[in-house]
Amino acid sequence: MDHTLYLIQSSASATQTILAKLKQIYNPHDHVVFLGESVAMLNQIDIEQFSSCYCLETEQVLLNPDLVSSLTILDYAEFADLVLQFKRCISLK
């Protein structure tokens, strides 16, 4: 089975709707990267279902400080390496 990398690039107002959709299709071996405004809208309940969550280092300032230990913070090179590990990448906006 192929694993999927989900890129969550939603606006702040759409983040909860996107997370609800993601929870329906997410598989425990998938990975999730939160980008842009979606980072600012996260809380512990939102991400507890996802085993592998990431945030870009440049967007860490938007992240609730309580969640820093729950996500892996990536620089751009690490993000590129992560993307190259997947055959399937889905962007949810």
PDB file of N, CA and C in Angstrom:
ATOM      1  N   MET A   1       0.836  -1.188   0.000  1.00  0.00           N
ATOM      2  CA  MET A   1       0.000   0.000   0.000  1.00  0.00           C
ATOM      3  C   MET A   1       0.881   1.251   0.000  1.00  0.00           C
ATOM      4  N   ASP A   2       0.557   2.191  -0.874  1.00  0.00           N
ATOM      5  CA  ASP A   2       1.294   3.445  -0.923  1.00  0.00           C
ATOM      6  C   ASP A   2       0.843   4.360   0.200  1.00  0.00           C
ATOM      7  N   HIS A   3       1.800   5.010   0.779  1.00  0.00           N
ATOM      8  CA  HIS A   3       1.499   5.990   1.806  1.00  0.00           C
ATOM      9  C   HIS A   3       1.327   7.343   1.125  1.00  0.00           C
ATOM     10  N   THR A   4       0.599   8.218   1.771  1.00  0.00           N
ATOM     11  CA  THR A   4       0.292   9.519   1.196  1.00  0.00           C
ATOM     12  C   THR A   4       0.856  10.627   2.066  1.00  0.00           C
ATOM     13  N   LEU A   5       1.369  11.653   1.417  1.00  0.00           N
ATOM     14  CA  LEU A   5       1.784  12.872   2.096  1.00  0.00           C
ATOM     15  C   LEU A   5       0.698  13.901   1.838  1.00  0.00           C
ATOM     16  N   TYR A   6       0.099  14.393   2.906  1.00  0.00           N
ATOM     17  CA  TYR A   6      -0.934  15.425   2.802  1.00  0.00           C
ATOM     18  C   TYR A   6      -0.330  16.771   3.140  1.00  0.00           C
ATOM     19  N   LEU A   7      -0.527  17.732   2.263  1.00  0.00           N
ATOM     20  CA  LEU A   7      -0.098  19.115   2.502  1.00  0.00           C
ATOM     21  C   LEU A   7      -1.347  19.923   2.796  1.00  0.00           C
ATOM     22  N   ILE A   8      -1.454  20.400   4.022  1.00  0.00           N
ATOM     23  CA  ILE A   8      -2.621  21.176   4.438  1.00  0.00           C
ATOM     24  C   ILE A   8      -2.269  22.650   4.278  1.00  0.00           C
ATOM     25  N   GLN A   9      -2.876  23.281   3.276  1.00  0.00           N
ATOM     26  CA  GLN A   9      -2.574  24.660   2.927  1.00  0.00           C
ATOM     27  C   GLN A   9      -3.817  25.538   3.003  1.00  0.00           C
ATOM     28  N   SER A  10      -4.676  25.230   3.915  1.00  0.00           N
ATOM     29  CA  SER A  10      -5.962  25.920   3.994  1.00  0.00           C
ATOM     30  C   SER A  10      -5.857  27.297   4.622  1.00  0.00           C
ATOM     31  N   SER A  11      -6.840  28.107   4.319  1.00  0.00           N
ATOM     32  CA  SER A  11      -6.959  29.397   5.003  1.00  0.00           C
ATOM     33  C   SER A  11      -7.380  29.121   6.443  1.00  0.00           C
ATOM     34  N   ALA A  12      -7.229  30.101   7.287  1.00  0.00           N
ATOM     35  CA  ALA A  12      -7.604  29.939   8.697  1.00  0.00           C
ATOM     36  C   ALA A  12      -9.073  29.535   8.821  1.00  0.00           C
ATOM     37  N   SER A  13      -9.931  30.145   8.040  1.00  0.00           N
ATOM     38  CA  SER A  13     -11.364  29.862   8.148  1.00  0.00           C
ATOM     39  C   SER A  13     -11.749  28.477   7.631  1.00  0.00           C
ATOM     40  N   ALA A  14     -10.945  27.892   6.752  1.00  0.00           N
ATOM     41  CA  ALA A  14     -11.264  26.587   6.182  1.00  0.00           C
ATOM     42  C   ALA A  14     -10.553  25.426   6.882  1.00  0.00           C
ATOM     43  N   THR A  15      -9.662  25.705   7.807  1.00  0.00           N
ATOM     44  CA  THR A  15      -8.832  24.658   8.411  1.00  0.00           C
ATOM     45  C   THR A  15      -9.647  23.568   9.092  1.00  0.00           C
ATOM     46  N   GLN A  16     -10.634  23.911   9.878  1.00  0.00           N
ATOM     47  CA  GLN A  16     -11.417  22.888  10.577  1.00  0.00           C
ATOM     48  C   GLN A  16     -12.167  21.978   9.599  1.00  0.00           C
ATOM     49  N   THR A  17     -12.676  22.537   8.514  1.00  0.00           N
ATOM     50  CA  THR A  17     -13.353  21.739   7.491  1.00  0.00           C
ATOM     51  C   THR A  17     -12.368  20.783   6.823  1.00  0.00           C
ATOM     52  N   ILE A  18     -11.186  21.271   6.513  1.00  0.00           N
ATOM     53  CA  ILE A  18     -10.149  20.445   5.882  1.00  0.00           C
ATOM     54  C   ILE A  18      -9.709  19.337   6.830  1.00  0.00           C
ATOM     55  N   LEU A  19      -9.550  19.646   8.099  1.00  0.00           N
ATOM     56  CA  LEU A  19      -9.148  18.622   9.075  1.00  0.00           C
ATOM     57  C   LEU A  19     -10.214  17.532   9.205  1.00  0.00           C
ATOM     58  N   ALA A  20     -11.470  17.908   9.151  1.00  0.00           N
ATOM     59  CA  ALA A  20     -12.555  16.920   9.208  1.00  0.00           C
ATOM     60  C   ALA A  20     -12.493  15.988   8.000  1.00  0.00           C
ATOM     61  N   LYS A  21     -12.221  16.531   6.811  1.00  0.00           N
ATOM     62  CA  LYS A  21     -12.078  15.707   5.608  1.00  0.00           C
ATOM     63  C   LYS A  21     -10.858  14.788   5.727  1.00  0.00           C
ATOM     64  N   LEU A  22      -9.757  15.355   6.215  1.00  0.00           N
ATOM     65  CA  LEU A  22      -8.526  14.579   6.349  1.00  0.00           C
ATOM     66  C   LEU A  22      -8.715  13.399   7.302  1.00  0.00           C
ATOM     67  N   LYS A  23      -9.417  13.605   8.385  1.00  0.00           N
ATOM     68  CA  LYS A  23      -9.636  12.528   9.356  1.00  0.00           C
ATOM     69  C   LYS A  23     -10.415  11.369   8.750  1.00  0.00           C
ATOM     70  N   GLN A  24     -11.202  11.632   7.720  1.00  0.00           N
ATOM     71  CA  GLN A  24     -11.969  10.583   7.058  1.00  0.00           C
ATOM     72  C   GLN A  24     -11.110   9.738   6.116  1.00  0.00           C
ATOM     73  N   ILE A  25     -10.058  10.311   5.555  1.00  0.00           N
ATOM     74  CA  ILE A  25      -9.257   9.596   4.561  1.00  0.00           C
ATOM     75  C   ILE A  25      -7.864   9.220   5.051  1.00  0.00           C
ATOM     76  N   TYR A  26      -7.479   9.714   6.197  1.00  0.00           N
ATOM     77  CA  TYR A  26      -6.137   9.485   6.739  1.00  0.00           C
ATOM     78  C   TYR A  26      -5.927   8.018   7.111  1.00  0.00           C
ATOM     79  N   ASN A  27      -4.747   7.529   6.839  1.00  0.00           N
ATOM     80  CA  ASN A  27      -4.319   6.178   7.183  1.00  0.00           C
ATOM     81  C   ASN A  27      -3.129   6.329   8.147  1.00  0.00           C
ATOM     82  N   PRO A  28      -2.981   5.481   9.142  1.00  0.00           N
ATOM     83  CA  PRO A  28      -1.924   5.648  10.148  1.00  0.00           C
ATOM     84  C   PRO A  28      -0.488   5.727   9.611  1.00  0.00           C
ATOM     85  N   HIS A  29      -0.281   5.303   8.377  1.00  0.00           N
ATOM     86  CA  HIS A  29       1.070   5.380   7.798  1.00  0.00           C
ATOM     87  C   HIS A  29       1.285   6.639   6.962  1.00  0.00           C
ATOM     88  N   ASP A  30       0.269   7.462   6.836  1.00  0.00           N
ATOM     89  CA  ASP A  30       0.371   8.702   6.078  1.00  0.00           C
ATOM     90  C   ASP A  30       1.084   9.766   6.912  1.00  0.00           C
ATOM     91  N   HIS A  31       1.517  10.805   6.238  1.00  0.00           N
ATOM     92  CA  HIS A  31       2.182  11.927   6.899  1.00  0.00           C
ATOM     93  C   HIS A  31       1.450  13.213   6.526  1.00  0.00           C
ATOM     94  N   VAL A  32       1.486  14.195   7.427  1.00  0.00           N
ATOM     95  CA  VAL A  32       0.756  15.443   7.225  1.00  0.00           C
ATOM     96  C   VAL A  32       1.689  16.624   7.478  1.00  0.00           C
ATOM     97  N   VAL A  33       1.738  17.548   6.523  1.00  0.00           N
ATOM     98  CA  VAL A  33       2.511  18.783   6.682  1.00  0.00           C
ATOM     99  C   VAL A  33       1.514  19.935   6.707  1.00  0.00           C
ATOM    100  N   PHE A  34       1.574  20.725   7.766  1.00  0.00           N
ATOM    101  CA  PHE A  34       0.710  21.902   7.891  1.00  0.00           C
ATOM    102  C   PHE A  34       1.494  23.120   7.424  1.00  0.00           C
ATOM    103  N   LEU A  35       0.868  23.910   6.559  1.00  0.00           N
ATOM    104  CA  LEU A  35       1.516  25.068   5.949  1.00  0.00           C
ATOM    105  C   LEU A  35       0.644  26.312   6.097  1.00  0.00           C
ATOM    106  N   GLY A  36       1.279  27.449   6.133  1.00  0.00           N
ATOM    107  CA  GLY A  36       0.565  28.720   6.124  1.00  0.00           C
ATOM    108  C   GLY A  36      -0.382  28.912   7.288  1.00  0.00           C
ATOM    109  N   GLU A  37      -1.540  29.484   6.991  1.00  0.00           N
ATOM    110  CA  GLU A  37      -2.515  29.824   8.026  1.00  0.00           C
ATOM    111  C   GLU A  37      -3.020  28.620   8.806  1.00  0.00           C
ATOM    112  N   SER A  38      -2.996  27.442   8.196  1.00  0.00           N
ATOM    113  CA  SER A  38      -3.487  26.252   8.901  1.00  0.00           C
ATOM    114  C   SER A  38      -2.690  25.990  10.169  1.00  0.00           C
ATOM    115  N   VAL A  39      -1.421  26.360  10.170  1.00  0.00           N
ATOM    116  CA  VAL A  39      -0.555  26.162  11.346  1.00  0.00           C
ATOM    117  C   VAL A  39      -1.105  26.934  12.546  1.00  0.00           C
ATOM    118  N   ALA A  40      -1.568  28.138  12.304  1.00  0.00           N
ATOM    119  CA  ALA A  40      -2.052  28.997  13.381  1.00  0.00           C
ATOM    120  C   ALA A  40      -3.345  28.487  14.012  1.00  0.00           C
ATOM    121  N   MET A  41      -4.064  27.642  13.288  1.00  0.00           N
ATOM    122  CA  MET A  41      -5.377  27.195  13.763  1.00  0.00           C
ATOM    123  C   MET A  41      -5.330  25.853  14.503  1.00  0.00           C
ATOM    124  N   LEU A  42      -4.180  25.231  14.596  1.00  0.00           N
ATOM    125  CA  LEU A  42      -4.076  23.889  15.175  1.00  0.00           C
ATOM    126  C   LEU A  42      -4.178  23.881  16.695  1.00  0.00           C
ATOM    127  N   ASN A  43      -4.747  22.799  17.212  1.00  0.00           N
ATOM    128  CA  ASN A  43      -4.716  22.537  18.648  1.00  0.00           C
ATOM    129  C   ASN A  43      -4.429  21.050  18.833  1.00  0.00           C
ATOM    130  N   GLN A  44      -4.214  20.622  20.055  1.00  0.00           N
ATOM    131  CA  GLN A  44      -3.814  19.249  20.332  1.00  0.00           C
ATOM    132  C   GLN A  44      -4.854  18.236  19.854  1.00  0.00           C
ATOM    133  N   ILE A  45      -6.112  18.544  20.020  1.00  0.00           N
ATOM    134  CA  ILE A  45      -7.176  17.634  19.596  1.00  0.00           C
ATOM    135  C   ILE A  45      -7.148  17.443  18.077  1.00  0.00           C
ATOM    136  N   ASP A  46      -6.829  18.514  17.335  1.00  0.00           N
ATOM    137  CA  ASP A  46      -6.780  18.434  15.873  1.00  0.00           C
ATOM    138  C   ASP A  46      -5.731  17.458  15.376  1.00  0.00           C
ATOM    139  N   ILE A  47      -4.598  17.400  16.055  1.00  0.00           N
ATOM    140  CA  ILE A  47      -3.485  16.609  15.520  1.00  0.00           C
ATOM    141  C   ILE A  47      -3.267  15.272  16.206  1.00  0.00           C
ATOM    142  N   GLU A  48      -3.989  14.977  17.267  1.00  0.00           N
ATOM    143  CA  GLU A  48      -3.718  13.747  18.019  1.00  0.00           C
ATOM    144  C   GLU A  48      -3.962  12.480  17.210  1.00  0.00           C
ATOM    145  N   GLN A  49      -4.815  12.521  16.215  1.00  0.00           N
ATOM    146  CA  GLN A  49      -5.097  11.353  15.387  1.00  0.00           C
ATOM    147  C   GLN A  49      -3.973  11.067  14.389  1.00  0.00           C
ATOM    148  N   PHE A  50      -3.170  12.056  14.087  1.00  0.00           N
ATOM    149  CA  PHE A  50      -2.136  11.926  13.055  1.00  0.00           C
ATOM    150  C   PHE A  50      -0.799  11.557  13.684  1.00  0.00           C
ATOM    151  N   SER A  51      -0.218  10.465  13.229  1.00  0.00           N
ATOM    152  CA  SER A  51       1.011   9.977  13.847  1.00  0.00           C
ATOM    153  C   SER A  51       2.259  10.721  13.381  1.00  0.00           C
ATOM    154  N   SER A  52       2.255  11.249  12.191  1.00  0.00           N
ATOM    155  CA  SER A  52       3.434  11.948  11.653  1.00  0.00           C
ATOM    156  C   SER A  52       3.017  13.310  11.115  1.00  0.00           C
ATOM    157  N   CYS A  53       3.229  14.342  11.931  1.00  0.00           N
ATOM    158  CA  CYS A  53       2.838  15.709  11.575  1.00  0.00           C
ATOM    159  C   CYS A  53       4.067  16.591  11.508  1.00  0.00           C
ATOM    160  N   TYR A  54       4.032  17.536  10.582  1.00  0.00           N
ATOM    161  CA  TYR A  54       5.167  18.422  10.358  1.00  0.00           C
ATOM    162  C   TYR A  54       4.698  19.864  10.186  1.00  0.00           C
ATOM    163  N   CYS A  55       5.637  20.761  10.394  1.00  0.00           N
ATOM    164  CA  CYS A  55       5.440  22.193  10.181  1.00  0.00           C
ATOM    165  C   CYS A  55       6.771  22.740   9.685  1.00  0.00           C
ATOM    166  N   LEU A  56       6.728  23.684   8.769  1.00  0.00           N
ATOM    167  CA  LEU A  56       7.963  24.298   8.311  1.00  0.00           C
ATOM    168  C   LEU A  56       8.532  25.222   9.380  1.00  0.00           C
ATOM    169  N   GLU A  57       9.832  25.225   9.468  1.00  0.00           N
ATOM    170  CA  GLU A  57      10.547  26.048  10.445  1.00  0.00           C
ATOM    171  C   GLU A  57      10.158  27.516  10.333  1.00  0.00           C
ATOM    172  N   THR A  58       9.979  27.992   9.109  1.00  0.00           N
ATOM    173  CA  THR A  58       9.640  29.407   8.903  1.00  0.00           C
ATOM    174  C   THR A  58       8.231  29.753   9.369  1.00  0.00           C
ATOM    175  N   GLU A  59       7.385  28.734   9.530  1.00  0.00           N
ATOM    176  CA  GLU A  59       6.006  28.968   9.967  1.00  0.00           C
ATOM    177  C   GLU A  59       5.778  28.575  11.424  1.00  0.00           C
ATOM    178  N   GLN A  60       6.838  28.194  12.085  1.00  0.00           N
ATOM    179  CA  GLN A  60       6.742  27.788  13.487  1.00  0.00           C
ATOM    180  C   GLN A  60       6.235  28.925  14.372  1.00  0.00           C
ATOM    181  N   VAL A  61       6.488  30.163  13.976  1.00  0.00           N
ATOM    182  CA  VAL A  61       6.029  31.310  14.764  1.00  0.00           C
ATOM    183  C   VAL A  61       4.503  31.371  14.837  1.00  0.00           C
ATOM    184  N   LEU A  62       3.825  30.752  13.893  1.00  0.00           N
ATOM    185  CA  LEU A  62       2.356  30.714  13.883  1.00  0.00           C
ATOM    186  C   LEU A  62       1.796  29.608  14.774  1.00  0.00           C
ATOM    187  N   LEU A  63       2.646  28.674  15.156  1.00  0.00           N
ATOM    188  CA  LEU A  63       2.232  27.480  15.887  1.00  0.00           C
ATOM    189  C   LEU A  63       2.041  27.754  17.370  1.00  0.00           C
ATOM    190  N   ASN A  64       0.982  27.207  17.919  1.00  0.00           N
ATOM    191  CA  ASN A  64       0.759  27.259  19.361  1.00  0.00           C
ATOM    192  C   ASN A  64       1.987  26.630  20.038  1.00  0.00           C
ATOM    193  N   PRO A  65       2.665  27.334  20.935  1.00  0.00           N
ATOM    194  CA  PRO A  65       3.881  26.804  21.571  1.00  0.00           C
ATOM    195  C   PRO A  65       3.689  25.444  22.253  1.00  0.00           C
ATOM    196  N   ASP A  66       2.479  25.144  22.690  1.00  0.00           N
ATOM    197  CA  ASP A  66       2.210  23.854  23.323  1.00  0.00           C
ATOM    198  C   ASP A  66       2.287  22.689  22.338  1.00  0.00           C
ATOM    199  N   LEU A  67       2.251  22.982  21.059  1.00  0.00           N
ATOM    200  CA  LEU A  67       2.248  21.925  20.047  1.00  0.00           C
ATOM    201  C   LEU A  67       3.621  21.633  19.453  1.00  0.00           C
ATOM    202  N   VAL A  68       4.613  22.420  19.808  1.00  0.00           N
ATOM    203  CA  VAL A  68       5.946  22.255  19.221  1.00  0.00           C
ATOM    204  C   VAL A  68       6.467  20.830  19.396  1.00  0.00           C
ATOM    205  N   SER A  69       6.223  20.223  20.537  1.00  0.00           N
ATOM    206  CA  SER A  69       6.715  18.864  20.769  1.00  0.00           C
ATOM    207  C   SER A  69       5.874  17.810  20.054  1.00  0.00           C
ATOM    208  N   SER A  70       4.706  18.177  19.543  1.00  0.00           N
ATOM    209  CA  SER A  70       3.821  17.228  18.868  1.00  0.00           C
ATOM    210  C   SER A  70       4.052  17.155  17.363  1.00  0.00           C
ATOM    211  N   LEU A  71       4.778  18.122  16.830  1.00  0.00           N
ATOM    212  CA  LEU A  71       5.060  18.164  15.401  1.00  0.00           C
ATOM    213  C   LEU A  71       6.561  18.150  15.180  1.00  0.00           C
ATOM    214  N   THR A  72       6.969  17.651  14.040  1.00  0.00           N
ATOM    215  CA  THR A  72       8.366  17.724  13.648  1.00  0.00           C
ATOM    216  C   THR A  72       8.541  19.004  12.848  1.00  0.00           C
ATOM    217  N   ILE A  73       9.493  19.814  13.257  1.00  0.00           N
ATOM    218  CA  ILE A  73       9.756  21.077  12.577  1.00  0.00           C
ATOM    219  C   ILE A  73      10.802  20.826  11.491  1.00  0.00           C
ATOM    220  N   LEU A  74      10.484  21.238  10.266  1.00  0.00           N
ATOM    221  CA  LEU A  74      11.352  20.987   9.118  1.00  0.00           C
ATOM    222  C   LEU A  74      11.899  22.271   8.526  1.00  0.00           C
ATOM    223  N   ASP A  75      13.176  22.249   8.099  1.00  0.00           N
ATOM    224  CA  ASP A  75      13.667  23.339   7.268  1.00  0.00           C
ATOM    225  C   ASP A  75      13.333  22.969   5.818  1.00  0.00           C
ATOM    226  N   TYR A  76      13.658  23.836   4.865  1.00  0.00           N
ATOM    227  CA  TYR A  76      13.251  23.574   3.483  1.00  0.00           C
ATOM    228  C   TYR A  76      13.913  22.329   2.897  1.00  0.00           C
ATOM    229  N   ALA A  77      15.167  22.080   3.227  1.00  0.00           N
ATOM    230  CA  ALA A  77      15.860  20.894   2.715  1.00  0.00           C
ATOM    231  C   ALA A  77      15.213  19.619   3.255  1.00  0.00           C
ATOM    232  N   GLU A  78      14.870  19.611   4.526  1.00  0.00           N
ATOM    233  CA  GLU A  78      14.201  18.446   5.115  1.00  0.00           C
ATOM    234  C   GLU A  78      12.814  18.240   4.507  1.00  0.00           C
ATOM    235  N   PHE A  79      12.120  19.340   4.243  1.00  0.00           N
ATOM    236  CA  PHE A  79      10.810  19.266   3.597  1.00  0.00           C
ATOM    237  C   PHE A  79      10.939  18.649   2.200  1.00  0.00           C
ATOM    238  N   ALA A  80      11.931  19.085   1.442  1.00  0.00           N
ATOM    239  CA  ALA A  80      12.151  18.532   0.103  1.00  0.00           C
ATOM    240  C   ALA A  80      12.468  17.041   0.188  1.00  0.00           C
ATOM    241  N   ASP A  81      13.299  16.647   1.133  1.00  0.00           N
ATOM    242  CA  ASP A  81      13.619  15.228   1.318  1.00  0.00           C
ATOM    243  C   ASP A  81      12.366  14.423   1.664  1.00  0.00           C
ATOM    244  N   LEU A  82      11.518  14.976   2.510  1.00  0.00           N
ATOM    245  CA  LEU A  82      10.278  14.296   2.888  1.00  0.00           C
ATOM    246  C   LEU A  82       9.378  14.101   1.668  1.00  0.00           C
ATOM    247  N   VAL A  83       9.188  15.130   0.888  1.00  0.00           N
ATOM    248  CA  VAL A  83       8.331  15.060  -0.285  1.00  0.00           C
ATOM    249  C   VAL A  83       8.827  13.982  -1.250  1.00  0.00           C
ATOM    250  N   LEU A  84      10.124  13.873  -1.410  1.00  0.00           N
ATOM    251  CA  LEU A  84      10.690  12.895  -2.348  1.00  0.00           C
ATOM    252  C   LEU A  84      10.505  11.450  -1.903  1.00  0.00           C
ATOM    253  N   GLN A  85      10.121  11.232  -0.663  1.00  0.00           N
ATOM    254  CA  GLN A  85       9.896   9.876  -0.157  1.00  0.00           C
ATOM    255  C   GLN A  85       8.529   9.318  -0.560  1.00  0.00           C
ATOM    256  N   PHE A  86       7.668  10.156  -1.116  1.00  0.00           N
ATOM    257  CA  PHE A  86       6.294   9.752  -1.401  1.00  0.00           C
ATOM    258  C   PHE A  86       6.004   9.724  -2.899  1.00  0.00           C
ATOM    259  N   LYS A  87       5.240   8.731  -3.303  1.00  0.00           N
ATOM    260  CA  LYS A  87       4.765   8.653  -4.684  1.00  0.00           C
ATOM    261  C   LYS A  87       3.476   9.450  -4.844  1.00  0.00           C
ATOM    262  N   ARG A  88       2.768   9.634  -3.723  1.00  0.00           N
ATOM    263  CA  ARG A  88       1.475  10.317  -3.774  1.00  0.00           C
ATOM    264  C   ARG A  88       1.471  11.461  -2.764  1.00  0.00           C
ATOM    265  N   CYS A  89       1.156  12.649  -3.271  1.00  0.00           N
ATOM    266  CA  CYS A  89       1.095  13.848  -2.431  1.00  0.00           C
ATOM    267  C   CYS A  89      -0.220  14.560  -2.767  1.00  0.00           C
ATOM    268  N   ILE A  90      -0.994  14.853  -1.728  1.00  0.00           N
ATOM    269  CA  ILE A  90      -2.294  15.495  -1.912  1.00  0.00           C
ATOM    270  C   ILE A  90      -2.313  16.810  -1.137  1.00  0.00           C
ATOM    271  N   SER A  91      -2.676  17.866  -1.841  1.00  0.00           N
ATOM    272  CA  SER A  91      -2.790  19.175  -1.213  1.00  0.00           C
ATOM    273  C   SER A  91      -4.262  19.451  -0.917  1.00  0.00           C
ATOM    274  N   LEU A  92      -4.544  19.791   0.326  1.00  0.00           N
ATOM    275  CA  LEU A  92      -5.913  20.141   0.728  1.00  0.00           C
ATOM    276  C   LEU A  92      -5.914  21.625   1.071  1.00  0.00           C
ATOM    277  N   LYS A  93      -6.784  22.374   0.393  1.00  0.00           N
ATOM    278  CA  LYS A  93      -6.819  23.826   0.586  1.00  0.00           C
ATOM    279  C   LYS A  93      -8.184  24.266   1.026  1.00  0.00           C
TER     280      LYS A  93
END
